Each structure stands twice: as C-alpha cells, then as structure tokens.
C-alpha atoms as a PDB file:
ATOM      1  CA  MET A   1       0.071  28.456  32.053  1.00  0.00           C
ATOM      2  CA  ALA A   2       2.025  30.828  30.521  1.00  0.00           C
ATOM      3  CA  ALA A   3       3.885  31.554  27.399  1.00  0.00           C
ATOM      4  CA  ASP A   4       6.909  32.803  29.464  1.00  0.00           C
ATOM      5  CA  GLU A   5       6.352  29.305  31.445  1.00  0.00           C
ATOM      6  CA  THR A   6       6.320  26.635  28.319  1.00  0.00           C
ATOM      7  CA  ARG A   7       8.842  24.894  28.472  1.00  0.00           C
ATOM      8  CA  TRP A   8       9.384  24.019  24.338  1.00  0.00           C
ATOM      9  CA  LEU A   9      11.559  21.384  22.837  1.00  0.00           C
ATOM     10  CA  ASP A  10      13.767  22.271  21.708  1.00  0.00           C
ATOM     11  CA  ASP A  11      14.893  20.352  18.217  1.00  0.00           C
ATOM     12  CA  LYS A  12      15.644  16.838  18.940  1.00  0.00           C
ATOM     13  CA  GLU A  13      13.014  16.269  20.397  1.00  0.00           C
ATOM     14  CA  GLN A  14      11.334  18.459  18.082  1.00  0.00           C
ATOM     15  CA  ALA A  15      11.897  15.669  15.138  1.00  0.00           C
ATOM     16  CA  LEU A  16      11.166  11.921  17.389  1.00  0.00           C
ATOM     17  CA  TRP A  17       7.388  14.217  18.359  1.00  0.00           C
ATOM     18  CA  ARG A  18       6.863  14.515  14.464  1.00  0.00           C
ATOM     19  CA  ILE A  19       8.053  10.685  14.266  1.00  0.00           C
ATOM     20  CA  ILE A  20       6.010  10.023  16.769  1.00  0.00           C
ATOM     21  CA  ARG A  21       2.517  12.600  15.521  1.00  0.00           C
ATOM     22  CA  GLU A  22       3.569  10.399  12.037  1.00  0.00           C
ATOM     23  CA  PHE A  23       3.624   6.649  13.865  1.00  0.00           C
ATOM     24  CA  LEU A  24       0.434   7.749  15.628  1.00  0.00           C
ATOM     25  CA  TRP A  25      -1.576   8.641  12.007  1.00  0.00           C
ATOM     26  CA  GLN A  26      -0.298   5.831   9.926  1.00  0.00           C
ATOM     27  CA  PHE A  27       0.088   2.278  11.930  1.00  0.00           C
ATOM     28  CA  PRO A  28      -3.902   3.012  13.307  1.00  0.00           C
ATOM     29  CA  SER A  29      -4.582   3.416  10.048  1.00  0.00           C
ATOM     30  CA  ALA A  30      -2.459   0.161   7.943  1.00  0.00           C
ATOM     31  CA  MET A  31      -3.609  -2.073  11.245  1.00  0.00           C
ATOM     32  CA  ASP A  32      -7.217  -1.256  10.127  1.00  0.00           C
ATOM     33  CA  ARG A  33      -6.707  -0.957   6.807  1.00  0.00           C
ATOM     34  CA  GLN A  34      -4.872  -4.896   7.338  1.00  0.00           C
ATOM     35  CA  LEU A  35      -7.182  -5.859   9.408  1.00  0.00           C
ATOM     36  CA  SER A  36     -10.682  -4.269   6.952  1.00  0.00           C
ATOM     37  CA  VAL A  37      -9.061  -6.358   4.146  1.00  0.00           C
ATOM     38  CA  ASP A  38      -7.924  -9.313   5.181  1.00  0.00           C
ATOM     39  CA  SER A  39     -10.631  -9.822   7.572  1.00  0.00           C
ATOM     40  CA  SER A  40     -14.373  -7.224   6.671  1.00  0.00           C
ATOM     41  CA  MET A  41     -13.506  -6.500  10.455  1.00  0.00           C
ATOM     42  CA  GLN A  42     -12.608  -2.666  11.700  1.00  0.00           C
ATOM     43  CA  THR A  43      -9.770  -2.153  15.027  1.00  0.00           C
ATOM     44  CA  GLY A  44     -12.752  -2.227  17.917  1.00  0.00           C
ATOM     45  CA  GLU A  45     -14.470  -5.770  16.255  1.00  0.00           C
ATOM     46  CA  TYR A  46     -10.756  -7.392  17.426  1.00  0.00           C
ATOM     47  CA  SER A  47      -9.847  -5.373  19.889  1.00  0.00           C
ATOM     48  CA  VAL A  48     -13.775  -6.861  21.842  1.00  0.00           C
ATOM     49  CA  LEU A  49     -13.210  -9.834  20.565  1.00  0.00           C
ATOM     50  CA  ALA A  50      -9.757 -10.472  20.963  1.00  0.00           C
ATOM     51  CA  VAL A  51     -10.512  -9.918  25.157  1.00  0.00           C
ATOM     52  CA  LEU A  52     -12.791 -11.942  24.537  1.00  0.00           C
ATOM     53  CA  SER A  53     -11.397 -15.495  23.971  1.00  0.00           C
ATOM     54  CA  GLU A  54      -8.407 -14.099  25.657  1.00  0.00           C
ATOM     55  CA  GLY A  55      -9.615 -14.107  28.590  1.00  0.00           C
ATOM     56  CA  PRO A  56      -9.661 -16.504  31.674  1.00  0.00           C
ATOM     57  CA  ALA A  57     -13.887 -16.189  31.784  1.00  0.00           C
ATOM     58  CA  THR A  58     -15.389 -17.154  29.371  1.00  0.00           C
ATOM     59  CA  SER A  59     -17.493 -14.286  29.344  1.00  0.00           C
ATOM     60  CA  LEU A  60     -17.046 -10.166  31.000  1.00  0.00           C
ATOM     61  CA  ARG A  61     -18.662  -7.394  31.649  1.00  0.00           C
ATOM     62  CA  PRO A  62     -18.911  -4.814  29.425  1.00  0.00           C
ATOM     63  CA  ALA A  63     -17.718  -2.214  31.615  1.00  0.00           C
ATOM     64  CA  ASP A  64     -14.532  -4.568  32.403  1.00  0.00           C
ATOM     65  CA  ILE A  65     -14.301  -4.971  28.629  1.00  0.00           C
ATOM     66  CA  ALA A  66     -14.155  -0.955  28.552  1.00  0.00           C
ATOM     67  CA  ASP A  67     -11.668  -1.094  31.173  1.00  0.00           C
ATOM     68  CA  ASN A  68      -9.383  -4.042  29.282  1.00  0.00           C
ATOM     69  CA  LEU A  69      -8.961  -2.167  26.149  1.00  0.00           C
ATOM     70  CA  ARG A  70      -9.446   1.854  28.725  1.00  0.00           C
ATOM     71  CA  TRP A  71     -12.411   3.241  25.919  1.00  0.00           C
ATOM     72  CA  ASP A  72     -15.211   5.065  27.738  1.00  0.00           C
ATOM     73  CA  ARG A  73     -17.738   3.281  27.597  1.00  0.00           C
ATOM     74  CA  SER A  74     -20.544   4.725  24.847  1.00  0.00           C
ATOM     75  CA  ARG A  75     -18.057   3.707  22.755  1.00  0.00           C
ATOM     76  CA  LEU A  76     -18.142   0.476  23.840  1.00  0.00           C
ATOM     77  CA  SER A  77     -22.091   0.314  24.180  1.00  0.00           C
ATOM     78  CA  HIS A  78     -23.149   1.068  20.511  1.00  0.00           C
ATOM     79  CA  LEU A  79     -20.178  -0.817  18.953  1.00  0.00           C
ATOM     80  CA  LEU A  80     -21.314  -4.706  21.108  1.00  0.00           C
ATOM     81  CA  ARG A  81     -24.602  -3.226  19.228  1.00  0.00           C
ATOM     82  CA  ARG A  82     -23.626  -3.630  15.993  1.00  0.00           C
ATOM     83  CA  MET A  83     -21.544  -6.441  17.599  1.00  0.00           C
ATOM     84  CA  GLU A  84     -24.289  -7.982  18.735  1.00  0.00           C
ATOM     85  CA  ALA A  85     -26.128  -7.266  15.365  1.00  0.00           C
ATOM     86  CA  LYS A  86     -23.703  -9.140  12.919  1.00  0.00           C
ATOM     87  CA  GLY A  87     -24.203 -12.907  15.297  1.00  0.00           C
ATOM     88  CA  MET A  88     -19.731 -12.448  16.635  1.00  0.00           C
ATOM     89  CA  ILE A  89     -21.368 -11.915  20.755  1.00  0.00           C
ATOM     90  CA  THR A  90     -24.686 -12.525  22.349  1.00  0.00           C
ATOM     91  CA  ARG A  91     -25.307 -10.482  25.399  1.00  0.00           C
ATOM     92  CA  CYS A  92     -27.154 -12.103  28.720  1.00  0.00           C
ATOM     93  CA  SER A  93     -28.272 -11.241  32.144  1.00  0.00           C
ATOM     94  CA  ASP A  94     -25.292 -10.951  34.558  1.00  0.00           C
ATOM     95  CA  SER A  95     -26.266 -14.618  37.509  1.00  0.00           C
ATOM     96  CA  THR A  96     -23.959 -11.968  40.556  1.00  0.00           C
ATOM     97  CA  ASP A  97     -25.811  -8.288  39.093  1.00  0.00           C
ATOM     98  CA  ARG A  98     -29.508  -9.041  37.528  1.00  0.00           C
ATOM     99  CA  ARG A  99     -29.279  -5.416  36.779  1.00  0.00           C
ATOM    100  CA  GLY A 100     -26.489  -5.907  34.654  1.00  0.00           C
ATOM    101  CA  GLN A 101     -25.128  -7.638  30.967  1.00  0.00           C
ATOM    102  CA  GLN A 102     -21.630 -10.389  30.225  1.00  0.00           C
ATOM    103  CA  ILE A 103     -21.213 -10.523  26.809  1.00  0.00           C
ATOM    104  CA  GLU A 104     -19.874 -13.334  25.788  1.00  0.00           C
ATOM    105  CA  LEU A 105     -18.518 -15.014  21.566  1.00  0.00           C
ATOM    106  CA  THR A 106     -20.961 -16.826  19.748  1.00  0.00           C
ATOM    107  CA  GLU A 107     -19.712 -19.380  17.365  1.00  0.00           C
ATOM    108  CA  ALA A 108     -19.930 -17.333  14.693  1.00  0.00           C
ATOM    109  CA  GLY A 109     -17.553 -14.858  16.473  1.00  0.00           C
ATOM    110  CA  TRP A 110     -15.104 -17.296  17.879  1.00  0.00           C
ATOM    111  CA  LYS A 111     -14.539 -18.154  14.324  1.00  0.00           C
ATOM    112  CA  THR A 112     -14.256 -15.272  13.054  1.00  0.00           C
ATOM    113  CA  ILE A 113     -11.457 -13.954  15.675  1.00  0.00           C
ATOM    114  CA  ARG A 114      -9.549 -17.400  14.169  1.00  0.00           C
ATOM    115  CA  GLU A 115      -9.882 -16.387  10.980  1.00  0.00           C
ATOM    116  CA  ALA A 116      -8.395 -13.031  12.377  1.00  0.00           C
ATOM    117  CA  ALA A 117      -6.094 -13.570  14.085  1.00  0.00           C
ATOM    118  CA  PRO A 118      -3.034 -15.090  11.846  1.00  0.00           C
ATOM    119  CA  SER A 119      -3.471 -12.682   9.388  1.00  0.00           C
ATOM    120  CA  HIS A 120      -3.397  -9.645  12.289  1.00  0.00           C
ATOM    121  CA  VAL A 121      -1.094 -10.836  14.123  1.00  0.00           C
ATOM    122  CA  THR A 122       1.589 -11.098  11.020  1.00  0.00           C
ATOM    123  CA  PHE A 123       0.737  -8.137   9.890  1.00  0.00           C
ATOM    124  CA  ILE A 124       1.664  -6.929  13.695  1.00  0.00           C
ATOM    125  CA  ARG A 125       5.331  -8.990  13.894  1.00  0.00           C
ATOM    126  CA  GLU A 126       6.471  -7.628  10.156  1.00  0.00           C
ATOM    127  CA  LYS A 127       5.430  -3.763  10.120  1.00  0.00           C
ATOM    128  CA  LEU A 128       5.859  -3.826  13.906  1.00  0.00           C
ATOM    129  CA  PHE A 129       8.324  -6.502  15.554  1.00  0.00           C
ATOM    130  CA  ASP A 130      10.317  -7.126  12.673  1.00  0.00           C
ATOM    131  CA  SER A 131      11.277  -3.446  12.408  1.00  0.00           C
ATOM    132  CA  LEU A 132      13.186  -3.255  15.912  1.00  0.00           C
ATOM    133  CA  ASP A 133      15.872  -4.411  17.263  1.00  0.00           C
ATOM    134  CA  GLN A 134      16.400  -6.517  20.608  1.00  0.00           C
ATOM    135  CA  HIS A 135      18.184  -2.667  22.054  1.00  0.00           C
ATOM    136  CA  GLU A 136      15.129  -0.989  20.404  1.00  0.00           C
ATOM    137  CA  ARG A 137      12.316  -3.466  21.627  1.00  0.00           C
ATOM    138  CA  ALA A 138      13.367  -2.919  25.369  1.00  0.00           C
ATOM    139  CA  ALA A 139      14.012   0.972  24.293  1.00  0.00           C
ATOM    140  CA  LEU A 140       9.912   0.523  23.943  1.00  0.00           C
ATOM    141  CA  GLU A 141       9.072  -1.516  26.663  1.00  0.00           C
ATOM    142  CA  THR A 142      10.795   0.783  28.446  1.00  0.00           C
ATOM    143  CA  ALA A 143       9.342   4.164  26.974  1.00  0.00           C
ATOM    144  CA  LEU A 144       5.874   3.624  26.540  1.00  0.00           C
ATOM    145  CA  PRO A 145       4.659   1.826  29.923  1.00  0.00           C
ATOM    146  CA  LYS A 146       6.191   5.505  31.350  1.00  0.00           C
ATOM    147  CA  ILE A 147       4.119   7.812  29.080  1.00  0.00           C
ATOM    148  CA  LEU A 148       1.614   5.014  29.735  1.00  0.00           C
ATOM    149  CA  GLY A 149       1.408   6.591  32.909  1.00  0.00           C
ATOM    150  CA  ALA A 150       2.249   9.886  32.620  1.00  0.00           C
ATOM    151  CA  LEU A 151      -1.061   9.641  30.953  1.00  0.00           C
ATOM    152  CA  GLU A 152      -3.338   8.371  33.647  1.00  0.00           C
ATOM    153  CA  THR A 153      -2.021  10.278  36.421  1.00  0.00           C
ATOM    154  CA  CYS A 154      -3.519  13.149  33.685  1.00  0.00           C
ATOM    155  CA  GLU A 155      -6.130  11.531  33.747  1.00  0.00           C
ATOM    156  CA  SER A 156      -6.523  11.649  37.541  1.00  0.00           C
ATOM    157  CA  ASP A 157      -5.075  15.343  38.501  1.00  0.00           C
ATOM    158  CA  PRO A 158      -8.216  17.583  37.611  1.00  0.00           C
ATOM    159  CA  SER A 159      -4.734  20.751  37.391  1.00  0.00           C
ATOM    160  CA  CYS A 160      -3.664  18.517  35.308  1.00  0.00           C
ATOM    161  CA  LYS A 161      -6.958  17.869  32.481  1.00  0.00           C
ATOM    162  CA  ALA A 162      -7.807  22.154  33.593  1.00  0.00           C
ATOM    163  CA  SER A 163      -4.078  22.314  31.352  1.00  0.00           C
ATOM    164  CA  VAL A 164      -5.680  21.060  28.529  1.00  0.00           C
ATOM    165  CA  PRO A 165      -6.960  22.690  25.234  1.00  0.00           C
ATOM    166  CA  GLY A 166     -10.764  22.341  25.689  1.00  0.00           C
ATOM    167  CA  GLY A 167     -10.867  20.876  29.419  1.00  0.00           C
ATOM    168  CA  PRO A 168     -12.322  22.394  32.126  1.00  0.00           C
ATOM    169  CA  GLN A 169     -10.182  26.232  32.853  1.00  0.00           C
ATOM    170  CA  ASP A 170      -9.806  27.718  36.101  1.00  0.00           C
ATOM    171  CA  CYS A 171     -11.004  31.260  36.209  1.00  0.00           C
ATOM    172  CA  GLU A 172      -8.905  34.251  37.016  1.00  0.00           C
ATOM    173  CA  GLU A 173     -10.095  36.487  39.864  1.00  0.00           C
ATOM    174  CA  ASP A 174      -9.493  40.017  39.996  1.00  0.00           C
END
C-alpha cells in the first residue's frame, strides 16, 4: 500500500490504539506473574491443562489442542514435551490412527489444574470483569469477536498477508 493510500488513525483512534497496545503488553505479563507466583506454572501450561480438563473427551490429539488455542503446532509440541517431563500429561497412541497420538492429563495434571484454577479465576474476575460494568462487558463481547474475525480473514487471504511487514511481497513489474 502506498503512503498516499494509507488510512491514518485520527486522534481518537490513536488514543484508543495506545490504550489497547498497553493492555496487550500489560495483561499477559500480569497473568503470567499470577500463575507463576500462585501455581508455579506458565500461562501456556495452564491453557493446555484447561483445554484438556474442560473438554468432553478424556484425551485430545495435539492438533485439536493447537486449534482450540489457535497456536501453531510447533509451539505446542515443545510445550507438550516439557509438560510430559513434569508429569502433567501423558501421550498415548491414537486408537483411530496409529500414526497419531492422544494427550491425556495425568493425576498430577488434574491436581495441578484443580489447585491453580481458583486463584487464576479470581485474578481474571478481579482484573478484567470486576473493573467493567454490564454495558462495557457487552461492548467487549460484541467488539472482540469482530476483531478476531478480521484477523482470521487476514490469515486466509494471501493479499492481506502480502501487505504485512515481513510477509510475502508481490514484486512490481517494470
């Protein structure tokens, strides 16, 4: 996109963007600190344990966990190895596809998520939900899915990826 085609942010949008940017930096760090201090675990570990403990199935394929968390499989694979070494999860053969694996919570994994959940939910409630009134929560409930939808559209649209810095670029013909 050429500079003369750029849709610059107006003053109100710029101010809102700065608030969003600050939230995106501070909230994950605060959540990481809470989980580390209260439960001696990382946010990623908690996320995987939560997905495994909340689902109707007793085990999930790694690809299903990655899809649920919207993570790439490489990131998940490294984390699953560390969690397995800590005794939180176990891998077993997939009975429907012998080439695949299923991930299950161990007793230690169940104990970890059960002990971590109360303080983590309290953190989320106090820092996120208690600071918003009903109308503000409703506004987020409406706005955030739209933003996520725009991001998903970009992921599947090659022309959108071409406009992202560091993404694939179309060469101009002379």
